[in-house]
Amino acid sequence: MPPGEGITQDPALGRATIELLSRHWRLMVDQVVDLKLRSSERRVARFLARRVPEEAGAGVAARPEPRTVIAARLGMTLETLSRTLNALEAPGVIRMSPREAHVVDRARLL
């Protein structure tokens, strides 16, 4: 079967492919907007907020990757990430532990 033929023969596969591509496109656009238009504090806050369920309002935002990887994903240096986390911790919005961030109030992050 030539490439792409399965999509033309199976409408459900075509729909699923389009949905997957559109989700990926939205994520990429959101990341570009973050990198170009949002401050480092805003980027870190959104990163943490996405890891806590909206309904919960508070919770643990696990950091599955090392801080260097998170900093690179957010378009900043490790030092800027550390300063930004400290800035969010000072007013009590988050509490940091070695492997996770405890989000005290998700609404205050957004």
PDB file of N, CA and C in Angstrom:
ATOM      1  N   MET A   1       0.851  -1.171   0.000  1.00  0.00           N
ATOM      2  CA  MET A   1       0.000   0.000   0.000  1.00  0.00           C
ATOM      3  C   MET A   1       0.902   1.240   0.000  1.00  0.00           C
ATOM      4  N   PRO A   2       0.691   2.156  -0.926  1.00  0.00           N
ATOM      5  CA  PRO A   2       1.488   3.391  -0.977  1.00  0.00           C
ATOM      6  C   PRO A   2       1.235   4.259   0.255  1.00  0.00           C
ATOM      7  N   PRO A   3       2.208   5.092   0.614  1.00  0.00           N
ATOM      8  CA  PRO A   3       2.031   5.968   1.779  1.00  0.00           C
ATOM      9  C   PRO A   3       0.794   6.858   1.616  1.00  0.00           C
ATOM     10  N   GLY A   4       0.037   7.004   2.687  1.00  0.00           N
ATOM     11  CA  GLY A   4      -1.140   7.864   2.677  1.00  0.00           C
ATOM     12  C   GLY A   4      -2.403   7.192   2.181  1.00  0.00           C
ATOM     13  N   GLU A   5      -2.284   6.032   1.562  1.00  0.00           N
ATOM     14  CA  GLU A   5      -3.466   5.367   1.024  1.00  0.00           C
ATOM     15  C   GLU A   5      -4.402   4.904   2.129  1.00  0.00           C
ATOM     16  N   GLY A   6      -3.855   4.495   3.262  1.00  0.00           N
ATOM     17  CA  GLY A   6      -4.692   4.056   4.380  1.00  0.00           C
ATOM     18  C   GLY A   6      -5.604   5.157   4.868  1.00  0.00           C
ATOM     19  N   ILE A   7      -5.133   6.375   4.834  1.00  0.00           N
ATOM     20  CA  ILE A   7      -5.929   7.521   5.286  1.00  0.00           C
ATOM     21  C   ILE A   7      -7.106   7.746   4.345  1.00  0.00           C
ATOM     22  N   THR A   8      -6.881   7.611   3.042  1.00  0.00           N
ATOM     23  CA  THR A   8      -7.972   7.829   2.081  1.00  0.00           C
ATOM     24  C   THR A   8      -8.996   6.709   2.130  1.00  0.00           C
ATOM     25  N   GLN A   9      -8.588   5.530   2.501  1.00  0.00           N
ATOM     26  CA  GLN A   9      -9.512   4.399   2.543  1.00  0.00           C
ATOM     27  C   GLN A   9     -10.239   4.263   3.880  1.00  0.00           C
ATOM     28  N   ASP A  10      -9.681   4.850   4.935  1.00  0.00           N
ATOM     29  CA  ASP A  10     -10.284   4.711   6.273  1.00  0.00           C
ATOM     30  C   ASP A  10     -10.549   6.097   6.855  1.00  0.00           C
ATOM     31  N   PRO A  11     -11.793   6.580   6.776  1.00  0.00           N
ATOM     32  CA  PRO A  11     -12.108   7.913   7.293  1.00  0.00           C
ATOM     33  C   PRO A  11     -11.770   8.095   8.778  1.00  0.00           C
ATOM     34  N   ALA A  12     -11.935   7.057   9.580  1.00  0.00           N
ATOM     35  CA  ALA A  12     -11.621   7.172  11.018  1.00  0.00           C
ATOM     36  C   ALA A  12     -10.131   7.415  11.210  1.00  0.00           C
ATOM     37  N   LEU A  13      -9.310   6.733  10.433  1.00  0.00           N
ATOM     38  CA  LEU A  13      -7.864   6.953  10.502  1.00  0.00           C
ATOM     39  C   LEU A  13      -7.518   8.360  10.048  1.00  0.00           C
ATOM     40  N   GLY A  14      -8.175   8.824   8.999  1.00  0.00           N
ATOM     41  CA  GLY A  14      -7.945  10.187   8.522  1.00  0.00           C
ATOM     42  C   GLY A  14      -8.298  11.224   9.570  1.00  0.00           C
ATOM     43  N   ARG A  15      -9.449  11.056  10.222  1.00  0.00           N
ATOM     44  CA  ARG A  15      -9.864  11.977  11.289  1.00  0.00           C
ATOM     45  C   ARG A  15      -8.877  11.961  12.454  1.00  0.00           C
ATOM     46  N   ALA A  16      -8.480  10.760  12.856  1.00  0.00           N
ATOM     47  CA  ALA A  16      -7.538  10.641  13.976  1.00  0.00           C
ATOM     48  C   ALA A  16      -6.211  11.307  13.634  1.00  0.00           C
ATOM     49  N   THR A  17      -5.767  11.144  12.403  1.00  0.00           N
ATOM     50  CA  THR A  17      -4.508  11.765  11.971  1.00  0.00           C
ATOM     51  C   THR A  17      -4.614  13.281  11.989  1.00  0.00           C
ATOM     52  N   ILE A  18      -5.723  13.798  11.482  1.00  0.00           N
ATOM     53  CA  ILE A  18      -5.929  15.250  11.469  1.00  0.00           C
ATOM     54  C   ILE A  18      -6.001  15.791  12.893  1.00  0.00           C
ATOM     55  N   GLU A  19      -6.695  15.104  13.790  1.00  0.00           N
ATOM     56  CA  GLU A  19      -6.780  15.545  15.184  1.00  0.00           C
ATOM     57  C   GLU A  19      -5.412  15.557  15.850  1.00  0.00           C
ATOM     58  N   LEU A  20      -4.629  14.521  15.608  1.00  0.00           N
ATOM     59  CA  LEU A  20      -3.283  14.449  16.177  1.00  0.00           C
ATOM     60  C   LEU A  20      -2.413  15.586  15.664  1.00  0.00           C
ATOM     61  N   LEU A  21      -2.447  15.818  14.361  1.00  0.00           N
ATOM     62  CA  LEU A  21      -1.647  16.897  13.776  1.00  0.00           C
ATOM     63  C   LEU A  21      -2.099  18.270  14.271  1.00  0.00           C
ATOM     64  N   SER A  22      -3.400  18.471  14.418  1.00  0.00           N
ATOM     65  CA  SER A  22      -3.879  19.775  14.891  1.00  0.00           C
ATOM     66  C   SER A  22      -3.502  20.010  16.345  1.00  0.00           C
ATOM     67  N   ARG A  23      -3.567  18.960  17.177  1.00  0.00           N
ATOM     68  CA  ARG A  23      -3.124  19.096  18.577  1.00  0.00           C
ATOM     69  C   ARG A  23      -1.647  19.464  18.629  1.00  0.00           C
ATOM     70  N   HIS A  24      -0.854  18.789  17.821  1.00  0.00           N
ATOM     71  CA  HIS A  24       0.585  19.064  17.785  1.00  0.00           C
ATOM     72  C   HIS A  24       0.844  20.497  17.297  1.00  0.00           C
ATOM     73  N   TRP A  25       0.118  20.932  16.302  1.00  0.00           N
ATOM     74  CA  TRP A  25       0.259  22.289  15.775  1.00  0.00           C
ATOM     75  C   TRP A  25      -0.071  23.320  16.860  1.00  0.00           C
ATOM     76  N   ARG A  26      -1.182  23.103  17.587  1.00  0.00           N
ATOM     77  CA  ARG A  26      -1.549  24.042  18.662  1.00  0.00           C
ATOM     78  C   ARG A  26      -0.474  24.102  19.735  1.00  0.00           C
ATOM     79  N   LEU A  27       0.106  22.947  20.100  1.00  0.00           N
ATOM     80  CA  LEU A  27       1.180  22.931  21.098  1.00  0.00           C
ATOM     81  C   LEU A  27       2.393  23.719  20.615  1.00  0.00           C
ATOM     82  N   MET A  28       2.729  23.551  19.344  1.00  0.00           N
ATOM     83  CA  MET A  28       3.879  24.274  18.791  1.00  0.00           C
ATOM     84  C   MET A  28       3.629  25.779  18.770  1.00  0.00           C
ATOM     85  N   VAL A  29       2.438  26.195  18.367  1.00  0.00           N
ATOM     86  CA  VAL A  29       2.102  27.621  18.350  1.00  0.00           C
ATOM     87  C   VAL A  29       2.149  28.175  19.764  1.00  0.00           C
ATOM     88  N   ASP A  30       1.606  27.451  20.719  1.00  0.00           N
ATOM     89  CA  ASP A  30       1.624  27.883  22.114  1.00  0.00           C
ATOM     90  C   ASP A  30       3.060  28.034  22.623  1.00  0.00           C
ATOM     91  N   GLN A  31       3.920  27.108  22.233  1.00  0.00           N
ATOM     92  CA  GLN A  31       5.317  27.193  22.658  1.00  0.00           C
ATOM     93  C   GLN A  31       6.009  28.409  22.049  1.00  0.00           C
ATOM     94  N   VAL A  32       5.749  28.706  20.800  1.00  0.00           N
ATOM     95  CA  VAL A  32       6.347  29.885  20.165  1.00  0.00           C
ATOM     96  C   VAL A  32       5.852  31.155  20.841  1.00  0.00           C
ATOM     97  N   VAL A  33       4.561  31.213  21.145  1.00  0.00           N
ATOM     98  CA  VAL A  33       4.005  32.375  21.842  1.00  0.00           C
ATOM     99  C   VAL A  33       4.676  32.519  23.208  1.00  0.00           C
ATOM    100  N   ASP A  34       4.832  31.413  23.928  1.00  0.00           N
ATOM    101  CA  ASP A  34       5.527  31.452  25.223  1.00  0.00           C
ATOM    102  C   ASP A  34       6.921  32.031  25.072  1.00  0.00           C
ATOM    103  N   LEU A  35       7.673  31.501  24.137  1.00  0.00           N
ATOM    104  CA  LEU A  35       9.070  31.904  23.986  1.00  0.00           C
ATOM    105  C   LEU A  35       9.225  33.351  23.539  1.00  0.00           C
ATOM    106  N   LYS A  36       8.304  33.834  22.728  1.00  0.00           N
ATOM    107  CA  LYS A  36       8.446  35.178  22.161  1.00  0.00           C
ATOM    108  C   LYS A  36       7.737  36.274  22.940  1.00  0.00           C
ATOM    109  N   LEU A  37       6.630  35.934  23.600  1.00  0.00           N
ATOM    110  CA  LEU A  37       5.801  36.989  24.166  1.00  0.00           C
ATOM    111  C   LEU A  37       5.661  36.966  25.685  1.00  0.00           C
ATOM    112  N   ARG A  38       6.056  35.891  26.332  1.00  0.00           N
ATOM    113  CA  ARG A  38       5.830  35.801  27.772  1.00  0.00           C
ATOM    114  C   ARG A  38       7.142  35.908  28.544  1.00  0.00           C
ATOM    115  N   SER A  39       7.055  36.495  29.719  1.00  0.00           N
ATOM    116  CA  SER A  39       8.228  36.627  30.588  1.00  0.00           C
ATOM    117  C   SER A  39       8.636  35.262  31.125  1.00  0.00           C
ATOM    118  N   SER A  40       9.835  35.186  31.662  1.00  0.00           N
ATOM    119  CA  SER A  40      10.312  33.910  32.207  1.00  0.00           C
ATOM    120  C   SER A  40       9.412  33.453  33.359  1.00  0.00           C
ATOM    121  N   GLU A  41       8.981  34.377  34.207  1.00  0.00           N
ATOM    122  CA  GLU A  41       8.114  34.004  35.325  1.00  0.00           C
ATOM    123  C   GLU A  41       6.783  33.442  34.818  1.00  0.00           C
ATOM    124  N   ARG A  42       6.248  34.046  33.784  1.00  0.00           N
ATOM    125  CA  ARG A  42       4.981  33.585  33.210  1.00  0.00           C
ATOM    126  C   ARG A  42       5.134  32.190  32.586  1.00  0.00           C
ATOM    127  N   ARG A  43       6.264  31.968  31.891  1.00  0.00           N
ATOM    128  CA  ARG A  43       6.509  30.659  31.263  1.00  0.00           C
ATOM    129  C   ARG A  43       6.615  29.560  32.309  1.00  0.00           C
ATOM    130  N   VAL A  44       7.353  29.837  33.385  1.00  0.00           N
ATOM    131  CA  VAL A  44       7.516  28.830  34.448  1.00  0.00           C
ATOM    132  C   VAL A  44       6.179  28.585  35.143  1.00  0.00           C
ATOM    133  N   ALA A  45       5.440  29.644  35.414  1.00  0.00           N
ATOM    134  CA  ALA A  45       4.142  29.500  36.072  1.00  0.00           C
ATOM    135  C   ALA A  45       3.195  28.648  35.229  1.00  0.00           C
ATOM    136  N   ARG A  46       3.145  28.895  33.925  1.00  0.00           N
ATOM    137  CA  ARG A  46       2.280  28.102  33.040  1.00  0.00           C
ATOM    138  C   ARG A  46       2.747  26.653  32.978  1.00  0.00           C
ATOM    139  N   PHE A  47       4.065  26.444  32.952  1.00  0.00           N
ATOM    140  CA  PHE A  47       4.630  25.094  32.930  1.00  0.00           C
ATOM    141  C   PHE A  47       4.171  24.304  34.158  1.00  0.00           C
ATOM    142  N   LEU A  48       4.247  24.936  35.326  1.00  0.00           N
ATOM    143  CA  LEU A  48       3.835  24.271  36.563  1.00  0.00           C
ATOM    144  C   LEU A  48       2.317  24.078  36.621  1.00  0.00           C
ATOM    145  N   ALA A  49       1.576  25.094  36.202  1.00  0.00           N
ATOM    146  CA  ALA A  49       0.112  25.019  36.265  1.00  0.00           C
ATOM    147  C   ALA A  49      -0.427  23.892  35.390  1.00  0.00           C
ATOM    148  N   ARG A  50       0.211  23.645  34.263  1.00  0.00           N
ATOM    149  CA  ARG A  50      -0.243  22.568  33.368  1.00  0.00           C
ATOM    150  C   ARG A  50      -0.095  21.196  34.003  1.00  0.00           C
ATOM    151  N   ARG A  51       0.700  21.082  35.036  1.00  0.00           N
ATOM    152  CA  ARG A  51       0.948  19.794  35.675  1.00  0.00           C
ATOM    153  C   ARG A  51       0.076  19.545  36.897  1.00  0.00           C
ATOM    154  N   VAL A  52      -0.814  20.488  37.191  1.00  0.00           N
ATOM    155  CA  VAL A  52      -1.742  20.343  38.320  1.00  0.00           C
ATOM    156  C   VAL A  52      -3.161  20.419  37.761  1.00  0.00           C
ATOM    157  N   PRO A  53      -4.006  19.454  38.084  1.00  0.00           N
ATOM    158  CA  PRO A  53      -5.379  19.483  37.557  1.00  0.00           C
ATOM    159  C   PRO A  53      -6.114  20.760  37.959  1.00  0.00           C
ATOM    160  N   GLU A  54      -6.804  21.345  37.005  1.00  0.00           N
ATOM    161  CA  GLU A  54      -7.525  22.594  37.248  1.00  0.00           C
ATOM    162  C   GLU A  54      -8.557  22.435  38.356  1.00  0.00           C
ATOM    163  N   GLU A  55      -9.230  21.291  38.380  1.00  0.00           N
ATOM    164  CA  GLU A  55     -10.265  21.057  39.383  1.00  0.00           C
ATOM    165  C   GLU A  55      -9.690  21.032  40.797  1.00  0.00           C
ATOM    166  N   ALA A  56      -8.458  20.541  40.930  1.00  0.00           N
ATOM    167  CA  ALA A  56      -7.847  20.415  42.256  1.00  0.00           C
ATOM    168  C   ALA A  56      -7.505  21.779  42.841  1.00  0.00           C
ATOM    169  N   GLY A  57      -7.051  22.699  42.013  1.00  0.00           N
ATOM    170  CA  GLY A  57      -6.687  24.024  42.496  1.00  0.00           C
ATOM    171  C   GLY A  57      -5.327  24.086  43.149  1.00  0.00           C
ATOM    172  N   ALA A  58      -4.811  22.945  43.583  1.00  0.00           N
ATOM    173  CA  ALA A  58      -3.492  22.852  44.200  1.00  0.00           C
ATOM    174  C   ALA A  58      -3.015  21.418  44.023  1.00  0.00           C
ATOM    175  N   GLY A  59      -1.728  21.213  44.205  1.00  0.00           N
ATOM    176  CA  GLY A  59      -1.209  19.858  44.072  1.00  0.00           C
ATOM    177  C   GLY A  59       0.267  19.842  43.779  1.00  0.00           C
ATOM    178  N   VAL A  60       0.751  18.676  43.458  1.00  0.00           N
ATOM    179  CA  VAL A  60       2.174  18.480  43.205  1.00  0.00           C
ATOM    180  C   VAL A  60       2.431  18.488  41.708  1.00  0.00           C
ATOM    181  N   ALA A  61       3.361  19.326  41.285  1.00  0.00           N
ATOM    182  CA  ALA A  61       3.800  19.365  39.891  1.00  0.00           C
ATOM    183  C   ALA A  61       5.134  18.627  39.825  1.00  0.00           C
ATOM    184  N   ALA A  62       5.074  17.375  39.408  1.00  0.00           N
ATOM    185  CA  ALA A  62       6.297  16.569  39.326  1.00  0.00           C
ATOM    186  C   ALA A  62       7.211  17.112  38.246  1.00  0.00           C
ATOM    187  N   ARG A  63       8.499  17.001  38.484  1.00  0.00           N
ATOM    188  CA  ARG A  63       9.496  17.387  37.486  1.00  0.00           C
ATOM    189  C   ARG A  63      10.173  16.114  36.997  1.00  0.00           C
ATOM    190  N   PRO A  64       9.648  15.505  35.924  1.00  0.00           N
ATOM    191  CA  PRO A  64      10.201  14.242  35.458  1.00  0.00           C
ATOM    192  C   PRO A  64      11.569  14.387  34.790  1.00  0.00           C
ATOM    193  N   GLU A  65      11.882  15.600  34.332  1.00  0.00           N
ATOM    194  CA  GLU A  65      13.173  15.834  33.682  1.00  0.00           C
ATOM    195  C   GLU A  65      14.073  16.659  34.599  1.00  0.00           C
ATOM    196  N   PRO A  66      15.369  16.630  34.316  1.00  0.00           N
ATOM    197  CA  PRO A  66      16.276  17.498  35.075  1.00  0.00           C
ATOM    198  C   PRO A  66      15.965  18.982  34.807  1.00  0.00           C
ATOM    199  N   ARG A  67      16.349  19.821  35.722  1.00  0.00           N
ATOM    200  CA  ARG A  67      16.102  21.263  35.576  1.00  0.00           C
ATOM    201  C   ARG A  67      16.713  21.822  34.298  1.00  0.00           C
ATOM    202  N   THR A  68      17.848  21.283  33.877  1.00  0.00           N
ATOM    203  CA  THR A  68      18.481  21.793  32.645  1.00  0.00           C
ATOM    204  C   THR A  68      17.581  21.567  31.439  1.00  0.00           C
ATOM    205  N   VAL A  69      16.895  20.437  31.395  1.00  0.00           N
ATOM    206  CA  VAL A  69      15.986  20.132  30.283  1.00  0.00           C
ATOM    207  C   VAL A  69      14.767  21.052  30.337  1.00  0.00           C
ATOM    208  N   ILE A  70      14.244  21.272  31.534  1.00  0.00           N
ATOM    209  CA  ILE A  70      13.083  22.170  31.688  1.00  0.00           C
ATOM    210  C   ILE A  70      13.468  23.584  31.275  1.00  0.00           C
ATOM    211  N   ALA A  71      14.630  24.036  31.710  1.00  0.00           N
ATOM    212  CA  ALA A  71      15.091  25.380  31.344  1.00  0.00           C
ATOM    213  C   ALA A  71      15.211  25.517  29.832  1.00  0.00           C
ATOM    214  N   ALA A  72      15.785  24.529  29.182  1.00  0.00           N
ATOM    215  CA  ALA A  72      15.929  24.580  27.721  1.00  0.00           C
ATOM    216  C   ALA A  72      14.554  24.602  27.053  1.00  0.00           C
ATOM    217  N   ARG A  73      13.623  23.797  27.530  1.00  0.00           N
ATOM    218  CA  ARG A  73      12.278  23.763  26.957  1.00  0.00           C
ATOM    219  C   ARG A  73      11.600  25.116  27.083  1.00  0.00           C
ATOM    220  N   LEU A  74      11.869  25.812  28.187  1.00  0.00           N
ATOM    221  CA  LEU A  74      11.243  27.110  28.429  1.00  0.00           C
ATOM    222  C   LEU A  74      12.045  28.268  27.859  1.00  0.00           C
ATOM    223  N   GLY A  75      13.160  27.963  27.199  1.00  0.00           N
ATOM    224  CA  GLY A  75      13.946  28.996  26.535  1.00  0.00           C
ATOM    225  C   GLY A  75      14.696  29.905  27.479  1.00  0.00           C
ATOM    226  N   MET A  76      15.272  29.327  28.531  1.00  0.00           N
ATOM    227  CA  MET A  76      16.017  30.132  29.505  1.00  0.00           C
ATOM    228  C   MET A  76      17.198  29.345  30.031  1.00  0.00           C
ATOM    229  N   THR A  77      18.068  30.020  30.726  1.00  0.00           N
ATOM    230  CA  THR A  77      19.209  29.345  31.329  1.00  0.00           C
ATOM    231  C   THR A  77      18.779  28.691  32.638  1.00  0.00           C
ATOM    232  N   LEU A  78      19.596  27.794  33.121  1.00  0.00           N
ATOM    233  CA  LEU A  78      19.328  27.138  34.398  1.00  0.00           C
ATOM    234  C   LEU A  78      19.261  28.162  35.523  1.00  0.00           C
ATOM    235  N   GLU A  79      20.134  29.163  35.470  1.00  0.00           N
ATOM    236  CA  GLU A  79      20.146  30.202  36.499  1.00  0.00           C
ATOM    237  C   GLU A  79      18.839  30.998  36.503  1.00  0.00           C
ATOM    238  N   THR A  80      18.341  31.323  35.310  1.00  0.00           N
ATOM    239  CA  THR A  80      17.078  32.061  35.219  1.00  0.00           C
ATOM    240  C   THR A  80      15.932  31.216  35.743  1.00  0.00           C
ATOM    241  N   LEU A  81      15.931  29.923  35.426  1.00  0.00           N
ATOM    242  CA  LEU A  81      14.894  29.031  35.947  1.00  0.00           C
ATOM    243  C   LEU A  81      14.935  29.007  37.473  1.00  0.00           C
ATOM    244  N   SER A  82      16.115  28.873  38.044  1.00  0.00           N
ATOM    245  CA  SER A  82      16.242  28.840  39.509  1.00  0.00           C
ATOM    246  C   SER A  82      15.760  30.139  40.137  1.00  0.00           C
ATOM    247  N   ARG A  83      16.148  31.277  39.564  1.00  0.00           N
ATOM    248  CA  ARG A  83      15.699  32.571  40.097  1.00  0.00           C
ATOM    249  C   ARG A  83      14.178  32.711  39.994  1.00  0.00           C
ATOM    250  N   THR A  84      13.629  32.239  38.890  1.00  0.00           N
ATOM    251  CA  THR A  84      12.191  32.343  38.692  1.00  0.00           C
ATOM    252  C   THR A  84      11.435  31.456  39.671  1.00  0.00           C
ATOM    253  N   LEU A  85      11.915  30.253  39.901  1.00  0.00           N
ATOM    254  CA  LEU A  85      11.283  29.370  40.892  1.00  0.00           C
ATOM    255  C   LEU A  85      11.344  30.002  42.282  1.00  0.00           C
ATOM    256  N   ASN A  86      12.484  30.605  42.614  1.00  0.00           N
ATOM    257  CA  ASN A  86      12.605  31.295  43.904  1.00  0.00           C
ATOM    258  C   ASN A  86      11.625  32.457  43.996  1.00  0.00           C
ATOM    259  N   ALA A  87      11.445  33.186  42.882  1.00  0.00           N
ATOM    260  CA  ALA A  87      10.512  34.319  42.870  1.00  0.00           C
ATOM    261  C   ALA A  87       9.074  33.851  43.072  1.00  0.00           C
ATOM    262  N   LEU A  88       8.741  32.669  42.566  1.00  0.00           N
ATOM    263  CA  LEU A  88       7.399  32.126  42.767  1.00  0.00           C
ATOM    264  C   LEU A  88       7.237  31.534  44.166  1.00  0.00           C
ATOM    265  N   GLU A  89       8.335  31.090  44.739  1.00  0.00           N
ATOM    266  CA  GLU A  89       8.286  30.487  46.074  1.00  0.00           C
ATOM    267  C   GLU A  89       8.184  31.553  47.172  1.00  0.00           C
ATOM    268  N   ALA A  90       8.813  32.703  46.962  1.00  0.00           N
ATOM    269  CA  ALA A  90       8.848  33.747  47.985  1.00  0.00           C
ATOM    270  C   ALA A  90       7.458  34.182  48.453  1.00  0.00           C
ATOM    271  N   PRO A  91       6.516  34.461  47.553  1.00  0.00           N
ATOM    272  CA  PRO A  91       5.174  34.863  48.027  1.00  0.00           C
ATOM    273  C   PRO A  91       4.278  33.686  48.418  1.00  0.00           C
ATOM    274  N   GLY A  92       4.800  32.468  48.343  1.00  0.00           N
ATOM    275  CA  GLY A  92       4.035  31.308  48.767  1.00  0.00           C
ATOM    276  C   GLY A  92       3.153  30.692  47.692  1.00  0.00           C
ATOM    277  N   VAL A  93       3.418  31.004  46.432  1.00  0.00           N
ATOM    278  CA  VAL A  93       2.630  30.427  45.338  1.00  0.00           C
ATOM    279  C   VAL A  93       2.994  28.953  45.155  1.00  0.00           C
ATOM    280  N   ILE A  94       4.284  28.637  45.333  1.00  0.00           N
ATOM    281  CA  ILE A  94       4.756  27.251  45.260  1.00  0.00           C
ATOM    282  C   ILE A  94       5.701  26.992  46.424  1.00  0.00           C
ATOM    283  N   ARG A  95       5.919  25.708  46.706  1.00  0.00           N
ATOM    284  CA  ARG A  95       6.948  25.270  47.658  1.00  0.00           C
ATOM    285  C   ARG A  95       7.777  24.230  46.922  1.00  0.00           C
ATOM    286  N   MET A  96       9.060  24.431  46.866  1.00  0.00           N
ATOM    287  CA  MET A  96       9.926  23.523  46.117  1.00  0.00           C
ATOM    288  C   MET A  96      10.485  22.429  47.013  1.00  0.00           C
ATOM    289  N   SER A  97      10.609  21.245  46.432  1.00  0.00           N
ATOM    290  CA  SER A  97      11.345  20.144  47.037  1.00  0.00           C
ATOM    291  C   SER A  97      12.277  19.629  45.943  1.00  0.00           C
ATOM    292  N   PRO A  98      13.197  18.740  46.259  1.00  0.00           N
ATOM    293  CA  PRO A  98      14.192  18.342  45.254  1.00  0.00           C
ATOM    294  C   PRO A  98      13.623  17.815  43.931  1.00  0.00           C
ATOM    295  N   ARG A  99      12.522  17.078  43.933  1.00  0.00           N
ATOM    296  CA  ARG A  99      12.027  16.470  42.696  1.00  0.00           C
ATOM    297  C   ARG A  99      10.671  16.990  42.227  1.00  0.00           C
ATOM    298  N   GLU A 100      10.093  17.941  42.973  1.00  0.00           N
ATOM    299  CA  GLU A 100       8.768  18.412  42.590  1.00  0.00           C
ATOM    300  C   GLU A 100       8.507  19.803  43.144  1.00  0.00           C
ATOM    301  N   ALA A 101       7.478  20.411  42.592  1.00  0.00           N
ATOM    302  CA  ALA A 101       7.017  21.708  43.085  1.00  0.00           C
ATOM    303  C   ALA A 101       5.612  21.516  43.627  1.00  0.00           C
ATOM    304  N   HIS A 102       5.393  21.951  44.832  1.00  0.00           N
ATOM    305  CA  HIS A 102       4.067  21.882  45.433  1.00  0.00           C
ATOM    306  C   HIS A 102       3.351  23.190  45.102  1.00  0.00           C
ATOM    307  N   VAL A 103       2.362  23.109  44.259  1.00  0.00           N
ATOM    308  CA  VAL A 103       1.602  24.293  43.867  1.00  0.00           C
ATOM    309  C   VAL A 103       0.538  24.528  44.932  1.00  0.00           C
ATOM    310  N   VAL A 104       0.676  25.634  45.634  1.00  0.00           N
ATOM    311  CA  VAL A 104      -0.225  25.965  46.732  1.00  0.00           C
ATOM    312  C   VAL A 104      -1.566  26.459  46.195  1.00  0.00           C
ATOM    313  N   ASP A 105      -1.512  27.284  45.148  1.00  0.00           N
ATOM    314  CA  ASP A 105      -2.730  27.841  44.559  1.00  0.00           C
ATOM    315  C   ASP A 105      -2.533  27.971  43.055  1.00  0.00           C
ATOM    316  N   ARG A 106      -3.121  27.054  42.305  1.00  0.00           N
ATOM    317  CA  ARG A 106      -2.947  27.028  40.849  1.00  0.00           C
ATOM    318  C   ARG A 106      -3.445  28.328  40.210  1.00  0.00           C
ATOM    319  N   ALA A 107      -4.528  28.873  40.719  1.00  0.00           N
ATOM    320  CA  ALA A 107      -5.108  30.096  40.151  1.00  0.00           C
ATOM    321  C   ALA A 107      -4.123  31.260  40.222  1.00  0.00           C
ATOM    322  N   ARG A 108      -3.318  31.329  41.266  1.00  0.00           N
ATOM    323  CA  ARG A 108      -2.336  32.413  41.396  1.00  0.00           C
ATOM    324  C   ARG A 108      -1.202  32.274  40.389  1.00  0.00           C
ATOM    325  N   LEU A 109      -0.986  31.064  39.877  1.00  0.00           N
ATOM    326  CA  LEU A 109       0.036  30.882  38.847  1.00  0.00           C
ATOM    327  C   LEU A 109      -0.410  31.455  37.519  1.00  0.00           C
ATOM    328  N   LEU A 110      -1.704  31.397  37.258  1.00  0.00           N
ATOM    329  CA  LEU A 110      -2.228  31.841  35.966  1.00  0.00           C
ATOM    330  C   LEU A 110      -2.694  33.256  36.092  1.00  0.00           C
TER     331      LEU A 110
END
